[in-house]
Amino acid sequence: MIFPPSIATIHHLTCKIGDAERTPEQRRRIGEELLAVMRLGEEMRAGDAGPDSGRADRLAEAIDIRTWVTVKYMITRPSE
């Protein structure tokens, strides 16, 4: 899946780098990219985001981890 640059950066800095390992610059960058996603959502009001979409809804949708990962379950039974 290809993400817009801001969402890709948020994904990388939050999912690939642990909180304890992030530098202050990386933490600042996460905040900046979240703001960029919110601004993009405001610009899209008449488009994909819809006229009734609130800022919190747009942000929640943009950073929804379910769009970033695929979870697969494997059931293993002990052999008898």
N, C-alpha and C. Protein backbone atom coordinates (compact mmCIF):
# COMPACT_ATOMS: atom_id res chain seq x y z
N MET A 1 0.84 -1.17 0.00
CA MET A 1 0.00 0.00 0.00
C MET A 1 0.89 1.24 0.00
N ILE A 2 0.52 2.23 -0.81
CA ILE A 2 1.28 3.47 -0.88
C ILE A 2 0.54 4.53 -0.08
N PHE A 3 1.26 5.17 0.83
CA PHE A 3 0.69 6.18 1.69
C PHE A 3 1.12 7.56 1.22
N PRO A 4 0.29 8.59 1.47
CA PRO A 4 0.76 9.95 1.24
C PRO A 4 2.02 10.19 2.09
N PRO A 5 2.89 11.11 1.70
CA PRO A 5 4.15 11.30 2.43
C PRO A 5 3.99 11.52 3.93
N SER A 6 3.05 12.34 4.36
CA SER A 6 2.89 12.58 5.79
C SER A 6 2.51 11.32 6.54
N ILE A 7 1.57 10.56 5.98
CA ILE A 7 1.13 9.33 6.65
C ILE A 7 2.25 8.30 6.65
N ALA A 8 3.01 8.23 5.56
CA ALA A 8 4.14 7.30 5.50
C ALA A 8 5.18 7.65 6.56
N THR A 9 5.42 8.93 6.76
CA THR A 9 6.38 9.36 7.79
C THR A 9 5.87 9.02 9.18
N ILE A 10 4.59 9.29 9.43
CA ILE A 10 4.01 8.95 10.74
C ILE A 10 4.12 7.45 10.97
N HIS A 11 3.77 6.66 9.96
CA HIS A 11 3.86 5.21 10.08
C HIS A 11 5.28 4.77 10.41
N HIS A 12 6.24 5.29 9.68
CA HIS A 12 7.63 4.90 9.92
C HIS A 12 8.07 5.26 11.34
N LEU A 13 7.80 6.50 11.74
CA LEU A 13 8.29 6.96 13.04
C LEU A 13 7.53 6.36 14.23
N THR A 14 6.30 5.90 14.01
CA THR A 14 5.55 5.33 15.13
C THR A 14 5.55 3.81 15.16
N CYS A 15 5.65 3.18 13.99
CA CYS A 15 5.58 1.72 13.93
C CYS A 15 6.94 1.05 13.76
N LYS A 16 7.86 1.73 13.17
CA LYS A 16 9.17 1.13 12.90
C LYS A 16 10.23 1.52 13.94
N ILE A 17 10.00 2.63 14.63
CA ILE A 17 10.96 3.10 15.63
C ILE A 17 10.24 3.17 16.97
N GLY A 18 10.76 2.47 17.96
CA GLY A 18 10.13 2.46 19.27
C GLY A 18 10.18 3.83 19.94
N ASP A 19 9.21 4.09 20.79
CA ASP A 19 9.13 5.38 21.47
C ASP A 19 10.42 5.70 22.22
N ALA A 20 10.99 4.72 22.89
CA ALA A 20 12.21 4.94 23.66
C ALA A 20 13.41 5.24 22.76
N GLU A 21 13.33 4.84 21.49
CA GLU A 21 14.45 5.03 20.57
C GLU A 21 14.33 6.31 19.73
N ARG A 22 13.17 6.96 19.76
CA ARG A 22 12.96 8.17 18.96
C ARG A 22 13.73 9.34 19.52
N THR A 23 14.31 10.11 18.63
CA THR A 23 15.02 11.32 19.05
C THR A 23 14.01 12.44 19.24
N PRO A 24 14.40 13.51 19.94
CA PRO A 24 13.49 14.65 20.06
C PRO A 24 13.07 15.20 18.69
N GLU A 25 13.98 15.19 17.73
CA GLU A 25 13.66 15.65 16.37
C GLU A 25 12.59 14.76 15.74
N GLN A 26 12.68 13.46 15.94
CA GLN A 26 11.69 12.54 15.38
C GLN A 26 10.33 12.74 16.05
N ARG A 27 10.31 13.00 17.34
CA ARG A 27 9.06 13.26 18.04
C ARG A 27 8.41 14.54 17.51
N ARG A 28 9.22 15.56 17.28
CA ARG A 28 8.73 16.82 16.73
C ARG A 28 8.15 16.59 15.33
N ARG A 29 8.84 15.78 14.57
CA ARG A 29 8.41 15.49 13.19
C ARG A 29 7.06 14.79 13.16
N ILE A 30 6.83 13.88 14.11
CA ILE A 30 5.53 13.21 14.19
C ILE A 30 4.42 14.26 14.36
N GLY A 31 4.63 15.20 15.27
CA GLY A 31 3.64 16.26 15.48
C GLY A 31 3.40 17.08 14.24
N GLU A 32 4.47 17.43 13.54
CA GLU A 32 4.34 18.21 12.31
C GLU A 32 3.56 17.45 11.24
N GLU A 33 3.86 16.17 11.12
CA GLU A 33 3.18 15.37 10.10
C GLU A 33 1.71 15.16 10.44
N LEU A 34 1.39 15.02 11.73
CA LEU A 34 -0.01 14.92 12.12
C LEU A 34 -0.76 16.19 11.75
N LEU A 35 -0.13 17.34 11.98
CA LEU A 35 -0.75 18.61 11.58
C LEU A 35 -0.94 18.68 10.07
N ALA A 36 0.04 18.19 9.32
CA ALA A 36 -0.07 18.20 7.86
C ALA A 36 -1.25 17.34 7.41
N VAL A 37 -1.44 16.19 8.06
CA VAL A 37 -2.57 15.32 7.71
C VAL A 37 -3.89 16.02 8.01
N MET A 38 -3.95 16.71 9.14
CA MET A 38 -5.17 17.42 9.48
C MET A 38 -5.44 18.54 8.48
N ARG A 39 -4.40 19.26 8.08
CA ARG A 39 -4.58 20.34 7.09
C ARG A 39 -5.04 19.77 5.75
N LEU A 40 -4.46 18.66 5.35
CA LEU A 40 -4.86 18.03 4.10
C LEU A 40 -6.33 17.65 4.16
N GLY A 41 -6.76 17.13 5.29
CA GLY A 41 -8.16 16.78 5.46
C GLY A 41 -9.07 17.99 5.33
N GLU A 42 -8.63 19.13 5.86
CA GLU A 42 -9.42 20.36 5.75
C GLU A 42 -9.53 20.79 4.29
N GLU A 43 -8.45 20.64 3.53
CA GLU A 43 -8.46 21.01 2.11
C GLU A 43 -9.37 20.08 1.31
N MET A 44 -9.55 18.85 1.80
CA MET A 44 -10.34 17.86 1.09
C MET A 44 -11.81 17.89 1.50
N ARG A 45 -12.22 18.85 2.29
CA ARG A 45 -13.59 18.89 2.80
C ARG A 45 -14.64 18.61 1.73
N ALA A 46 -14.48 19.20 0.60
CA ALA A 46 -15.47 19.01 -0.45
C ALA A 46 -15.22 17.73 -1.25
N GLY A 47 -14.10 17.06 -0.99
CA GLY A 47 -13.76 15.84 -1.72
C GLY A 47 -13.96 14.60 -0.87
N ASP A 48 -12.89 13.82 -0.73
CA ASP A 48 -12.96 12.53 -0.05
C ASP A 48 -13.40 12.61 1.40
N ALA A 49 -12.97 13.65 2.11
CA ALA A 49 -13.27 13.72 3.54
C ALA A 49 -14.74 14.04 3.79
N GLY A 50 -15.41 14.65 2.85
CA GLY A 50 -16.83 14.96 2.99
C GLY A 50 -17.03 16.22 3.80
N PRO A 51 -18.14 16.92 3.57
CA PRO A 51 -18.37 18.20 4.23
C PRO A 51 -18.65 18.07 5.73
N ASP A 52 -19.11 16.93 6.18
CA ASP A 52 -19.45 16.78 7.59
C ASP A 52 -18.35 16.15 8.42
N SER A 53 -17.23 15.87 7.80
CA SER A 53 -16.14 15.20 8.51
C SER A 53 -15.43 16.18 9.44
N GLY A 54 -15.35 15.85 10.70
CA GLY A 54 -14.68 16.71 11.67
C GLY A 54 -13.19 16.46 11.69
N ARG A 55 -12.47 17.40 12.28
CA ARG A 55 -11.01 17.29 12.35
C ARG A 55 -10.59 16.01 13.06
N ALA A 56 -11.23 15.70 14.17
CA ALA A 56 -10.87 14.49 14.92
C ALA A 56 -11.13 13.24 14.10
N ASP A 57 -12.22 13.23 13.35
CA ASP A 57 -12.53 12.07 12.51
C ASP A 57 -11.48 11.89 11.42
N ARG A 58 -11.07 12.99 10.79
CA ARG A 58 -10.07 12.91 9.72
C ARG A 58 -8.73 12.43 10.27
N LEU A 59 -8.36 12.94 11.44
CA LEU A 59 -7.10 12.53 12.04
C LEU A 59 -7.15 11.05 12.42
N ALA A 60 -8.25 10.64 13.03
CA ALA A 60 -8.38 9.23 13.43
C ALA A 60 -8.29 8.31 12.22
N GLU A 61 -8.91 8.71 11.13
CA GLU A 61 -8.86 7.89 9.92
C GLU A 61 -7.45 7.84 9.35
N ALA A 62 -6.75 8.97 9.37
CA ALA A 62 -5.41 9.03 8.79
C ALA A 62 -4.40 8.21 9.56
N ILE A 63 -4.57 8.11 10.87
CA ILE A 63 -3.57 7.40 11.67
C ILE A 63 -4.08 6.05 12.18
N ASP A 64 -5.16 5.58 11.58
CA ASP A 64 -5.73 4.28 11.97
C ASP A 64 -4.75 3.17 11.59
N ILE A 65 -4.16 2.54 12.58
CA ILE A 65 -3.13 1.52 12.35
C ILE A 65 -3.68 0.33 11.56
N ARG A 66 -4.99 0.14 11.59
CA ARG A 66 -5.57 -0.98 10.83
C ARG A 66 -5.34 -0.83 9.34
N THR A 67 -5.09 0.39 8.86
CA THR A 67 -4.79 0.58 7.44
C THR A 67 -3.32 0.34 7.14
N TRP A 68 -2.50 0.19 8.17
CA TRP A 68 -1.05 0.04 7.99
C TRP A 68 -0.57 -1.39 8.10
N VAL A 69 -1.34 -2.24 8.76
CA VAL A 69 -0.86 -3.60 9.04
C VAL A 69 -1.89 -4.62 8.56
N THR A 70 -1.41 -5.82 8.33
CA THR A 70 -2.26 -6.96 8.03
C THR A 70 -2.00 -8.00 9.11
N VAL A 71 -3.06 -8.44 9.73
CA VAL A 71 -2.93 -9.43 10.79
C VAL A 71 -3.45 -10.76 10.26
N LYS A 72 -2.63 -11.78 10.39
CA LYS A 72 -3.03 -13.13 9.99
C LYS A 72 -2.88 -14.04 11.20
N TYR A 73 -3.84 -14.90 11.37
CA TYR A 73 -3.81 -15.86 12.47
C TYR A 73 -3.49 -17.24 11.94
N MET A 74 -2.64 -17.95 12.68
CA MET A 74 -2.34 -19.32 12.34
C MET A 74 -2.64 -20.16 13.58
N ILE A 75 -3.50 -21.13 13.40
CA ILE A 75 -3.85 -22.02 14.50
C ILE A 75 -3.01 -23.26 14.39
N THR A 76 -2.27 -23.53 15.45
CA THR A 76 -1.41 -24.71 15.49
C THR A 76 -1.92 -25.63 16.61
N ARG A 77 -2.21 -26.85 16.23
CA ARG A 77 -2.69 -27.82 17.21
C ARG A 77 -1.58 -28.79 17.51
N PRO A 78 -1.48 -29.17 18.77
CA PRO A 78 -0.43 -30.15 19.12
C PRO A 78 -0.71 -31.49 18.43
N SER A 79 0.35 -32.13 17.97
CA SER A 79 0.16 -33.45 17.35
C SER A 79 -0.02 -34.49 18.44
N GLU A 80 -0.86 -35.45 18.13
CA GLU A 80 -1.14 -36.52 19.11
C GLU A 80 -0.48 -37.80 18.73
